[in-house]
Amino acid sequence: MARGGDNTMDKLVSLCKRRGFVFRNSDIYGGLEATYDYGPLGVELKNNVKQQWWRDVVTSRADVVGMDAAIFMNSKVWEASGHVQEFHDPLVDCKNCKARYREDHMDMDKPCPACGIKDWTEPRQFNLMLKTHYGPSEDSASIIYLRPETAQGIFVNFLNAQGTARMKLPFGIAQIGKAFRNEITTGNFLFRSREFEQMELEFFVKPDESAEWLDRWVQSRFDWYKSLGVTESKLRLRQHEGDELAHYAADCYDVEYEFPFGWSELEGIADRGTYDLDQHAEHSGKKLTWFDPQNNEHITPAVVESSAGVDRTVLTILADAYHEEEVKGEQRTVLRLHPKLAPTTAAIYPLVNRDGLPEIAANIFDDLKGDFAAFYDAGGSIGRRYRRQDEAGTPFGITVDSDTLEDETVTIRERDSMKQERVPMSQLHDYISDKIR
C-alpha cells in the first residue's frame, strides 16, 4: 500500500484545504506566514485530540488536576524563569539577499538556499518571545510578553492549585493553552508556527524520586501516541545530549515521529528539577514548598514535565493516516484515522432520494448524532459519497436502501477494509460502539 511519494506533504496540505481540515490564515488577503485556521473537520479532530489527552492525563487519574492560566502574565515571571535571558536561538543573515535563518539549522559552509551566495553574517542571539504593550500607554513600563509556554502559569499557581485541591506529593497540574514564539524560521505546515497550542503537565515529586518518575512518564507518553493509532515503527524515543539540554533541565527525552520531511520532535518529557519553583520563590519572596507531615519538613518539589504540541499531534495523526491505494483500477485517497479521533464517526446515505429512504436515513442521523459525530449525505452517486468520506477519515458509512424497507436493516461499510455487512437498525449504536472500542 502506498503512502504517497516525496510530495506527501503537498498532497496532505491540499487534502486539508479541500476537505475542511486546515486553511491558510487570512487567505483572501494573501495569508499570514506560518499561521493556520482549523476548518469544520479540523476543529473536530483537534478537539478530539485535546479531549483524549485531558481524559488520559487528567480526569482518569487521581493524582493530576487541571487549570487554565491567562496568556498575559506579569513580566517578572519571565525574568524569574530565565526566558528573558536564556530563551534565544542563534540568528544569521545572508548579506546578499537578507534572508534569515537559524544558525544551528544551517550548514554555514554552504551557500544561502534562497540566492545561492555564500556570504553570512556572524551568528547573534535572537529572543523568541513576542512583545506587546499592556494598557492604554505604550512606554517601557507597559511592555509585556505573549507567553512562550504554558508551564509558567502552572508554577506561579503551585500554592493555589495544591492548596485548594489538597494534593499530596506526587501530584500533577495540567493545562491546555495557546503559546507564542517569534520563530526565526517556520515551515512544514503545522509543525512550526509562531502561534500554537500546548498540552502540558507539570508533575511535582520529591527530588530524590524525579529520575524514577521521568522514566514512568516517558514510557506513558510514548504509549499514548500508540493508543491513538500512530504507527509504532514511525515513533522513537531520543534522549538529549548534555550540550542540548535546556537551561532548566537535568534530563530530557523527546518522542519523535518520522514525518515526510524526516524525524522530528513530537513531545518533550523533562526532569526540570527544582529550578522553576526555586526561581519563582527567589524572585517573588514567596515560599513555594510542600509540607511533608511524615518527616515534619517543608520541601521544594522537583518537576517532571510533559510538553506536547496540539498542532504537531494533529499533523502527526494526519500524516500517519494519509494513504493512497488503487481499488478496481481507480485511485483512492483515505485517511485511516482512529475512530475515537475521526471528526465524523458515521456518514448516513440514502441510496436514492425517493421511496421514503431519505426520511429513514434522516431518522437514523437524528438517532445517532446524540452519541456519535454523524453526517447526512444525499448528494451524488454512492461511490462518490464513499470517496468523499474516505478522504475525510470517516470510519463508517451507513447506507439505507430498498431492503431497509423490507427488513429494517442497513449496510455498514468500513472505511479501511471497505467490507460491507447488513446490520439491524436497532443495533447500530452497539455495533459502532463495539467497533470504536
Protein backbone atom coordinates (compact mmCIF):
# COMPACT_ATOMS: atom_id res chain seq x y z
CA MET A 1 0.00 0.00 0.00
CA ALA A 2 1.36 3.38 -0.98
CA ARG A 3 1.67 6.23 1.48
CA GLY A 4 2.34 8.84 -1.19
CA GLY A 5 5.72 9.85 -2.59
CA ASP A 6 8.14 12.64 -1.80
CA ASN A 7 5.30 15.16 -2.26
CA THR A 8 3.18 13.64 0.50
CA MET A 9 3.16 16.91 2.45
CA ASP A 10 1.90 18.84 -0.58
CA LYS A 11 -0.87 16.28 -1.06
CA LEU A 12 -1.76 16.41 2.62
CA VAL A 13 -1.93 20.22 2.63
CA SER A 14 -4.19 20.07 -0.44
CA LEU A 15 -6.47 17.49 1.16
CA CYS A 16 -6.66 19.54 4.38
CA LYS A 17 -7.96 22.55 2.46
CA ARG A 18 -10.23 20.53 0.16
CA ARG A 19 -11.95 18.67 2.98
CA GLY A 20 -12.03 21.48 5.55
CA PHE A 21 -9.33 20.41 7.99
CA VAL A 22 -6.92 23.36 7.81
CA PHE A 23 -6.98 26.65 5.90
CA ARG A 24 -4.30 29.26 5.39
CA ASN A 25 -4.92 32.16 7.77
CA SER A 26 -6.24 35.39 6.19
CA ASP A 27 -6.37 33.54 2.88
CA ILE A 28 -8.36 36.17 0.94
CA TYR A 29 -5.63 38.71 1.79
CA GLY A 30 -2.74 36.50 0.72
CA GLY A 31 -2.30 34.74 4.06
CA LEU A 32 -0.04 35.28 7.05
CA GLU A 33 3.18 33.29 7.12
CA ALA A 34 3.03 30.01 9.08
CA THR A 35 -0.40 30.77 10.55
CA TYR A 36 -3.35 28.46 10.01
CA ASP A 37 -7.06 28.25 10.74
CA TYR A 38 -8.85 25.00 11.52
CA GLY A 39 -11.92 24.31 9.40
CA PRO A 40 -15.10 22.35 10.24
CA LEU A 41 -13.39 18.93 10.23
CA GLY A 42 -10.08 20.20 11.57
CA VAL A 43 -11.54 21.75 14.69
CA GLU A 44 -13.34 18.48 15.49
CA LEU A 45 -10.12 16.48 15.06
CA LYS A 46 -8.19 19.00 17.16
CA ASN A 47 -10.82 18.97 19.90
CA ASN A 48 -10.87 15.17 19.91
CA VAL A 49 -7.08 15.14 20.42
CA LYS A 50 -7.34 17.59 23.31
CA GLN A 51 -10.24 15.73 24.90
CA GLN A 52 -8.37 12.43 24.66
CA TRP A 53 -5.26 13.96 26.25
CA TRP A 54 -7.31 15.57 29.04
CA ARG A 55 -9.13 12.31 29.72
CA ASP A 56 -5.95 10.22 29.77
CA VAL A 57 -3.72 12.67 31.66
CA VAL A 58 -6.17 14.41 34.00
CA THR A 59 -9.65 13.02 34.58
CA SER A 60 -8.70 9.32 34.55
CA ARG A 61 -6.05 9.88 37.25
CA ALA A 62 -6.44 10.70 40.93
CA ASP A 63 -3.04 12.43 41.14
CA VAL A 64 -3.49 15.15 38.47
CA VAL A 65 -5.68 18.27 38.48
CA GLY A 66 -6.25 20.81 35.74
CA MET A 67 -6.16 24.58 35.42
CA ASP A 68 -6.28 27.28 32.77
CA ALA A 69 -3.88 30.21 33.20
CA ALA A 70 -4.14 33.52 31.36
CA ILE A 71 -1.95 34.20 28.35
CA PHE A 72 -0.74 37.54 29.75
CA MET A 73 1.47 37.38 32.83
CA ASN A 74 3.47 39.83 34.90
CA SER A 75 6.78 40.42 33.09
CA LYS A 76 8.65 39.48 36.26
CA VAL A 77 7.54 35.88 35.65
CA TRP A 78 9.68 35.68 32.51
CA GLU A 79 12.65 37.31 34.22
CA ALA A 80 12.46 34.77 37.04
CA SER A 81 12.01 31.80 34.69
CA GLY A 82 15.09 32.75 32.69
CA HIS A 83 13.25 33.34 29.43
CA VAL A 84 14.31 36.98 29.14
CA GLN A 85 17.98 35.99 29.49
CA GLU A 86 18.04 32.46 28.05
CA PHE A 87 15.21 31.97 25.54
CA HIS A 88 17.23 32.59 22.39
CA ASP A 89 18.06 30.98 19.06
CA PRO A 90 21.20 31.79 17.02
CA LEU A 91 20.30 34.02 14.05
CA VAL A 92 22.29 34.53 10.85
CA ASP A 93 21.56 36.70 7.81
CA CYS A 94 22.52 36.30 4.20
CA LYS A 95 24.30 39.58 3.42
CA ASN A 96 23.30 39.31 -0.24
CA CYS A 97 19.51 38.69 -0.11
CA LYS A 98 18.86 39.47 3.58
CA ALA A 99 17.19 36.09 4.22
CA ARG A 100 17.33 34.99 7.87
CA TYR A 101 17.93 31.52 9.27
CA ARG A 102 18.62 29.68 12.49
CA GLU A 103 22.37 29.10 12.53
CA ASP A 104 22.01 25.70 14.24
CA HIS A 105 19.72 24.52 11.41
CA MET A 106 22.15 25.54 8.66
CA ASP A 107 25.42 24.28 7.20
CA MET A 108 27.37 27.51 7.24
CA ASP A 109 29.90 26.09 4.77
CA LYS A 110 27.17 26.03 2.11
CA PRO A 111 25.61 28.96 0.24
CA CYS A 112 22.28 30.57 1.08
CA PRO A 113 19.35 28.37 -0.05
CA ALA A 114 17.47 31.46 -1.25
CA CYS A 115 20.06 33.12 -3.51
CA GLY A 116 22.96 30.66 -3.80
CA ILE A 117 25.53 33.14 -2.47
CA LYS A 118 27.74 32.27 0.49
CA ASP A 119 28.08 35.48 2.46
CA TRP A 120 26.86 35.08 6.04
CA THR A 121 26.78 37.46 8.99
CA GLU A 122 28.19 36.36 12.32
CA PRO A 123 25.54 34.50 14.38
CA ARG A 124 23.81 36.51 17.09
CA GLN A 125 21.25 35.57 19.73
CA PHE A 126 17.60 36.34 18.96
CA ASN A 127 15.00 36.27 21.76
CA LEU A 128 11.94 34.27 20.74
CA MET A 129 9.37 35.98 22.93
CA LEU A 130 6.78 38.22 21.28
CA LYS A 131 6.38 41.62 22.91
CA THR A 132 3.31 43.80 23.11
CA HIS A 133 2.04 46.68 25.23
CA TYR A 134 -0.42 46.22 28.07
CA GLY A 135 -2.78 49.04 28.98
CA PRO A 136 -3.54 52.43 27.44
CA SER A 137 0.04 53.74 27.20
CA GLU A 138 2.91 52.48 25.06
CA ASP A 139 6.02 53.05 27.11
CA SER A 140 8.69 50.78 28.55
CA ALA A 141 6.65 50.19 31.70
CA SER A 142 3.78 48.73 29.66
CA ILE A 143 5.86 46.10 27.81
CA ILE A 144 4.54 42.60 28.30
CA TYR A 145 5.14 39.25 26.60
CA LEU A 146 2.87 36.73 24.96
CA ARG A 147 3.69 33.55 26.84
CA PRO A 148 6.13 31.24 25.01
CA GLU A 149 4.91 28.25 27.07
CA THR A 150 2.02 27.44 29.38
CA ALA A 151 4.22 25.91 32.11
CA GLN A 152 4.96 29.13 34.00
CA GLY A 153 1.26 29.68 34.62
CA ILE A 154 1.29 26.38 36.50
CA PHE A 155 4.42 27.14 38.51
CA VAL A 156 3.23 30.52 39.76
CA ASN A 157 -0.08 28.90 40.76
CA PHE A 158 1.60 25.98 42.54
CA LEU A 159 0.36 27.02 46.01
CA ASN A 160 -3.11 27.99 44.77
CA ALA A 161 -3.74 24.72 42.95
CA GLN A 162 -2.09 22.45 45.52
CA GLY A 163 -3.85 24.07 48.46
CA THR A 164 -7.35 24.23 47.02
CA ALA A 165 -7.21 20.71 45.59
CA ARG A 166 -5.49 19.41 48.77
CA MET A 167 -2.95 17.45 46.72
CA LYS A 168 -0.08 15.46 48.22
CA LEU A 169 3.19 14.55 46.54
CA PRO A 170 3.48 13.15 43.97
CA PHE A 171 0.84 15.09 42.04
CA GLY A 172 0.46 16.92 38.76
CA ILE A 173 -1.11 20.09 37.40
CA ALA A 174 -2.04 20.12 33.71
CA GLN A 175 -3.39 22.60 31.21
CA ILE A 176 -4.01 23.13 27.52
CA GLY A 177 -3.50 26.57 26.04
CA LYS A 178 -2.05 28.87 23.41
CA ALA A 179 1.60 29.85 23.31
CA PHE A 180 3.59 32.14 21.01
CA ARG A 181 7.18 32.13 19.79
CA ASN A 182 8.77 34.52 17.34
CA GLU A 183 10.43 31.70 15.40
CA ILE A 184 13.23 32.73 13.05
CA THR A 185 12.28 30.09 10.51
CA THR A 186 8.91 28.41 10.20
CA GLY A 187 7.62 25.74 7.87
CA ASN A 188 6.46 22.18 7.29
CA PHE A 189 2.81 23.14 7.55
CA LEU A 190 1.54 22.85 11.15
CA PHE A 191 4.89 21.66 12.51
CA ARG A 192 6.49 25.02 13.29
CA SER A 193 4.48 28.22 13.60
CA ARG A 194 4.50 31.34 15.74
CA GLU A 195 1.12 30.68 17.33
CA PHE A 196 0.40 27.18 18.59
CA GLU A 197 -1.32 25.23 21.32
CA GLN A 198 0.32 23.15 24.03
CA MET A 199 -0.78 20.27 26.25
CA GLU A 200 1.47 20.44 29.30
CA LEU A 201 1.72 18.51 32.54
CA GLU A 202 3.91 19.55 35.46
CA PHE A 203 4.24 16.57 37.82
CA PHE A 204 5.64 17.50 41.24
CA VAL A 205 7.67 14.87 43.11
CA LYS A 206 10.21 14.54 45.88
CA PRO A 207 13.63 15.49 44.47
CA ASP A 208 15.14 12.06 45.01
CA GLU A 209 12.27 10.47 43.03
CA SER A 210 12.45 12.61 39.88
CA ALA A 211 14.52 10.14 37.82
CA GLU A 212 12.07 7.33 38.58
CA TRP A 213 9.06 9.45 37.62
CA LEU A 214 10.79 10.67 34.48
CA ASP A 215 11.12 7.06 33.32
CA ARG A 216 7.45 6.41 34.09
CA TRP A 217 6.18 9.43 32.21
CA VAL A 218 8.49 8.86 29.23
CA GLN A 219 7.01 5.41 28.71
CA SER A 220 3.47 6.57 29.40
CA ARG A 221 3.68 9.40 26.89
CA PHE A 222 5.27 7.19 24.23
CA ASP A 223 2.48 4.64 24.67
CA TRP A 224 -0.15 7.38 24.38
CA TYR A 225 0.67 8.03 20.74
CA LYS A 226 0.40 4.32 20.01
CA SER A 227 -3.06 4.35 21.62
CA LEU A 228 -4.09 6.98 19.04
CA GLY A 229 -3.27 4.54 16.26
CA VAL A 230 0.05 6.13 15.26
CA THR A 231 2.31 3.60 13.53
CA GLU A 232 4.74 2.31 16.15
CA SER A 233 7.62 1.87 13.71
CA LYS A 234 7.44 5.60 12.94
CA LEU A 235 7.81 6.57 16.62
CA ARG A 236 11.01 6.63 18.67
CA LEU A 237 12.45 8.00 21.89
CA ARG A 238 15.60 10.12 21.86
CA GLN A 239 17.47 11.21 24.98
CA HIS A 240 19.03 14.67 24.84
CA GLU A 241 22.78 15.01 24.88
CA GLY A 242 24.24 17.14 27.67
CA ASP A 243 25.03 20.08 25.40
CA GLU A 244 21.46 20.34 24.08
CA LEU A 245 19.64 20.31 27.42
CA ALA A 246 17.59 23.42 28.20
CA HIS A 247 18.92 25.67 30.95
CA TYR A 248 16.36 24.26 33.41
CA ALA A 249 16.63 20.54 32.57
CA ALA A 250 18.58 17.81 34.35
CA ASP A 251 17.49 15.21 31.78
CA CYS A 252 15.13 15.14 28.81
CA TYR A 253 13.65 12.76 26.26
CA ASP A 254 11.85 13.55 23.03
CA VAL A 255 9.13 11.46 21.47
CA GLU A 256 9.93 11.75 17.77
CA TYR A 257 7.89 10.87 14.68
CA GLU A 258 9.11 10.16 11.17
CA PHE A 259 7.31 12.87 9.22
CA PRO A 260 7.52 13.01 5.42
CA PHE A 261 10.28 15.62 5.97
CA GLY A 262 12.22 13.42 8.44
CA TRP A 263 12.39 12.55 12.14
CA SER A 264 11.32 15.47 14.33
CA GLU A 265 10.21 16.17 17.89
CA LEU A 266 6.60 15.50 18.80
CA GLU A 267 6.79 15.87 22.58
CA GLY A 268 9.41 16.56 25.24
CA ILE A 269 9.49 14.94 28.68
CA ALA A 270 11.99 16.61 31.00
CA ASP A 271 13.28 16.46 34.56
CA ARG A 272 13.26 20.17 35.42
CA GLY A 273 14.47 19.55 38.97
CA THR A 274 13.55 22.28 41.44
CA TYR A 275 14.67 25.06 39.11
CA ASP A 276 11.29 26.66 38.44
CA LEU A 277 9.94 26.77 41.98
CA ASP A 278 13.36 27.90 43.28
CA GLN A 279 13.49 30.75 40.77
CA HIS A 280 9.98 31.98 41.46
CA ALA A 281 10.49 31.70 45.23
CA GLU A 282 13.65 33.78 44.99
CA HIS A 283 12.17 36.48 42.75
CA SER A 284 8.74 36.71 44.40
CA GLY A 285 9.79 36.28 48.01
CA LYS A 286 7.11 33.62 48.46
CA LYS A 287 7.86 30.20 49.93
CA LEU A 288 6.90 27.67 47.21
CA THR A 289 7.23 24.46 49.18
CA TRP A 290 5.15 21.45 50.21
CA PHE A 291 4.90 20.36 53.83
CA ASP A 292 5.80 16.72 54.35
CA PRO A 293 3.89 15.67 57.51
CA GLN A 294 5.71 12.35 57.68
CA ASN A 295 9.10 13.99 58.13
CA ASN A 296 7.79 17.26 59.52
CA GLU A 297 9.61 19.39 56.94
CA HIS A 298 8.98 21.77 54.07
CA ILE A 299 10.49 20.62 50.76
CA THR A 300 10.73 22.20 47.34
CA PRO A 301 9.36 19.62 44.88
CA ALA A 302 11.16 18.68 41.70
CA VAL A 303 9.17 18.71 38.47
CA VAL A 304 8.83 16.19 35.66
CA GLU A 305 7.31 17.96 32.66
CA SER A 306 5.45 16.52 29.71
CA SER A 307 5.08 19.12 26.97
CA ALA A 308 3.21 18.21 23.78
CA GLY A 309 2.05 20.33 20.88
CA VAL A 310 -1.60 20.05 19.90
CA ASP A 311 -0.89 21.16 16.34
CA ARG A 312 2.08 18.81 15.96
CA THR A 313 -0.05 15.96 17.24
CA VAL A 314 -2.76 16.81 14.71
CA LEU A 315 -0.14 16.92 11.95
CA THR A 316 1.27 13.57 13.09
CA ILE A 317 -2.16 11.94 13.08
CA LEU A 318 -2.98 13.34 9.64
CA ALA A 319 0.39 12.37 8.13
CA ASP A 320 0.24 8.89 9.64
CA ALA A 321 -3.34 8.34 8.47
CA TYR A 322 -2.78 9.51 4.88
CA HIS A 323 -2.82 6.62 2.41
CA GLU A 324 -3.17 6.23 -1.32
CA GLU A 325 -4.16 2.97 -2.97
CA GLU A 326 -5.64 1.57 -6.16
CA VAL A 327 -9.07 -0.07 -5.91
CA LYS A 328 -10.52 -1.77 -9.00
CA GLY A 329 -8.38 0.39 -11.25
CA GLU A 330 -9.26 3.64 -9.50
CA GLN A 331 -7.14 5.74 -7.18
CA ARG A 332 -8.42 6.02 -3.61
CA THR A 333 -7.15 8.51 -1.03
CA VAL A 334 -8.08 7.64 2.52
CA LEU A 335 -7.36 9.00 5.99
CA ARG A 336 -7.12 5.99 8.31
CA LEU A 337 -7.94 7.99 11.44
CA HIS A 338 -8.58 6.14 14.68
CA PRO A 339 -12.39 6.10 15.19
CA LYS A 340 -12.08 7.89 18.54
CA LEU A 341 -10.32 10.81 16.82
CA ALA A 342 -12.15 10.98 13.49
CA PRO A 343 -14.12 14.24 13.06
CA THR A 344 -17.11 12.25 11.79
CA THR A 345 -17.81 8.79 13.16
CA ALA A 346 -20.53 7.73 10.73
CA ALA A 347 -21.99 9.07 7.50
CA ILE A 348 -25.57 8.14 6.64
CA TYR A 349 -26.59 7.78 2.99
CA PRO A 350 -29.99 7.18 1.41
CA LEU A 351 -29.16 5.15 -1.69
CA VAL A 352 -31.71 7.11 -3.72
CA ASN A 353 -33.71 10.23 -2.93
CA ARG A 354 -37.14 8.60 -3.16
CA ASP A 355 -39.32 5.79 -1.79
CA GLY A 356 -39.05 7.13 1.75
CA LEU A 357 -35.32 6.33 2.03
CA PRO A 358 -34.26 9.95 2.82
CA GLU A 359 -36.73 10.04 5.71
CA ILE A 360 -35.40 6.79 7.18
CA ALA A 361 -31.79 7.99 6.75
CA ALA A 362 -32.66 11.29 8.44
CA ASN A 363 -34.19 9.40 11.38
CA ILE A 364 -31.02 7.31 11.74
CA PHE A 365 -28.96 10.51 11.66
CA ASP A 366 -31.10 12.07 14.39
CA ASP A 367 -30.83 8.90 16.48
CA LEU A 368 -27.04 8.62 16.22
CA LYS A 369 -25.98 12.25 16.47
CA GLY A 370 -26.55 12.41 20.21
CA ASP A 371 -23.83 9.80 20.85
CA PHE A 372 -21.61 9.97 17.75
CA ALA A 373 -20.41 12.59 15.31
CA ALA A 374 -22.78 11.83 12.43
CA PHE A 375 -23.11 13.29 8.94
CA TYR A 376 -26.02 13.08 6.48
CA ASP A 377 -25.00 12.93 2.81
CA ALA A 378 -27.50 12.51 -0.02
CA GLY A 379 -25.53 14.18 -2.84
CA GLY A 380 -24.12 12.30 -5.83
CA SER A 381 -23.52 8.63 -6.56
CA ILE A 382 -22.92 6.31 -3.62
CA GLY A 383 -19.37 5.69 -4.83
CA ARG A 384 -18.62 9.40 -4.91
CA ARG A 385 -20.03 9.79 -1.41
CA TYR A 386 -17.84 6.95 -0.17
CA ARG A 387 -14.74 8.63 -1.62
CA ARG A 388 -15.56 11.97 -0.02
CA GLN A 389 -15.89 10.38 3.40
CA ASP A 390 -12.77 8.24 2.89
CA GLU A 391 -10.80 11.47 2.42
CA ALA A 392 -12.47 12.96 5.50
CA GLY A 393 -11.44 9.93 7.57
CA THR A 394 -15.00 8.81 8.42
CA PRO A 395 -14.69 5.20 9.65
CA PHE A 396 -18.27 4.02 8.99
CA GLY A 397 -20.74 4.55 6.16
CA ILE A 398 -24.40 3.57 6.68
CA THR A 399 -26.47 3.09 3.52
CA VAL A 400 -30.26 2.94 3.54
CA ASP A 401 -31.62 1.03 0.53
CA SER A 402 -34.75 -0.75 -0.67
CA ASP A 403 -34.03 -3.78 1.54
CA THR A 404 -34.27 -1.49 4.56
CA LEU A 405 -37.96 -1.07 3.80
CA GLU A 406 -38.42 -4.83 3.99
CA ASP A 407 -36.27 -5.97 6.93
CA GLU A 408 -35.18 -2.77 8.75
CA THR A 409 -31.50 -3.48 8.15
CA VAL A 410 -28.87 -1.17 6.68
CA THR A 411 -25.49 -1.71 5.02
CA ILE A 412 -22.46 -0.62 7.05
CA ARG A 413 -19.24 -0.08 5.14
CA GLU A 414 -15.93 0.07 7.00
CA ARG A 415 -13.55 2.69 5.68
CA ASP A 416 -10.25 0.80 5.84
CA SER A 417 -11.26 -2.65 4.58
CA MET A 418 -14.27 -1.41 2.56
CA LYS A 419 -16.04 -4.52 3.91
CA GLN A 420 -19.83 -4.27 3.95
CA GLU A 421 -22.36 -6.07 6.13
CA ARG A 422 -26.04 -5.85 6.96
CA VAL A 423 -26.92 -4.70 10.44
CA PRO A 424 -30.37 -4.18 12.01
CA MET A 425 -31.10 -0.50 12.57
CA SER A 426 -31.86 -1.27 16.20
CA GLN A 427 -28.28 -2.48 16.72
CA LEU A 428 -26.41 0.46 15.16
CA HIS A 429 -25.43 2.07 18.47
CA ASP A 430 -23.94 -1.13 19.86
CA TYR A 431 -22.23 -2.01 16.57
CA ILE A 432 -20.45 1.34 16.30
CA SER A 433 -19.54 1.44 19.99
CA ASP A 434 -18.02 -2.05 19.80
CA LYS A 435 -16.01 -1.15 16.70
CA ILE A 436 -14.62 2.01 18.32
CA ARG A 437 -13.54 0.04 21.39
